[in-house]
Amino acid sequence: MATPNLQQKQKKNMRKYKQNKGDAYRGIAR
């Protein structure tokens, strides 16, 4: 299971991805 810290980082990253939709899908696909 991921640590709470890791989950927080992932949530922040998801927000970033939603803001830059251009790189978003590239980042998620990776």
C-alpha atoms as a PDB file:
ATOM      1  CA  MET A   1       0.000   0.000   0.000  1.00  0.00           C
ATOM      2  CA  ALA A   2       1.242   3.516  -0.741  1.00  0.00           C
ATOM      3  CA  THR A   3       2.084   5.736   2.202  1.00  0.00           C
ATOM      4  CA  PRO A   4      -0.229   8.696   2.933  1.00  0.00           C
ATOM      5  CA  ASN A   5       2.616  10.995   1.848  1.00  0.00           C
ATOM      6  CA  LEU A   6       2.829   9.301  -1.530  1.00  0.00           C
ATOM      7  CA  GLN A   7      -0.934   9.550  -2.006  1.00  0.00           C
ATOM      8  CA  GLN A   8      -0.802  13.290  -1.249  1.00  0.00           C
ATOM      9  CA  LYS A   9       1.932  13.745  -3.850  1.00  0.00           C
ATOM     10  CA  GLN A  10      -0.118  11.808  -6.405  1.00  0.00           C
ATOM     11  CA  LYS A  11      -3.153  14.013  -5.742  1.00  0.00           C
ATOM     12  CA  LYS A  12      -1.015  17.115  -6.287  1.00  0.00           C
ATOM     13  CA  ASN A  13       0.335  15.633  -9.500  1.00  0.00           C
ATOM     14  CA  MET A  14      -3.170  14.848 -10.746  1.00  0.00           C
ATOM     15  CA  ARG A  15      -4.095  18.499 -10.192  1.00  0.00           C
ATOM     16  CA  LYS A  16      -1.078  19.547 -12.232  1.00  0.00           C
ATOM     17  CA  TYR A  17      -2.057  17.119 -15.008  1.00  0.00           C
ATOM     18  CA  LYS A  18      -5.583  18.480 -15.120  1.00  0.00           C
ATOM     19  CA  GLN A  19      -4.216  22.019 -15.473  1.00  0.00           C
ATOM     20  CA  ASN A  20      -1.805  21.155 -18.333  1.00  0.00           C
ATOM     21  CA  LYS A  21      -4.029  18.885 -20.376  1.00  0.00           C
ATOM     22  CA  GLY A  22      -1.419  18.802 -23.166  1.00  0.00           C
ATOM     23  CA  ASP A  23       1.217  17.020 -21.056  1.00  0.00           C
ATOM     24  CA  ALA A  24      -1.378  15.419 -18.789  1.00  0.00           C
ATOM     25  CA  TYR A  25      -2.072  12.337 -20.851  1.00  0.00           C
ATOM     26  CA  ARG A  26       1.609  11.914 -21.711  1.00  0.00           C
ATOM     27  CA  GLY A  27       2.472  11.981 -18.010  1.00  0.00           C
ATOM     28  CA  ILE A  28      -0.278   9.535 -17.054  1.00  0.00           C
ATOM     29  CA  ALA A  29       0.533   7.210 -19.963  1.00  0.00           C
ATOM     30  CA  ARG A  30       4.077   7.018 -18.663  1.00  0.00           C
END
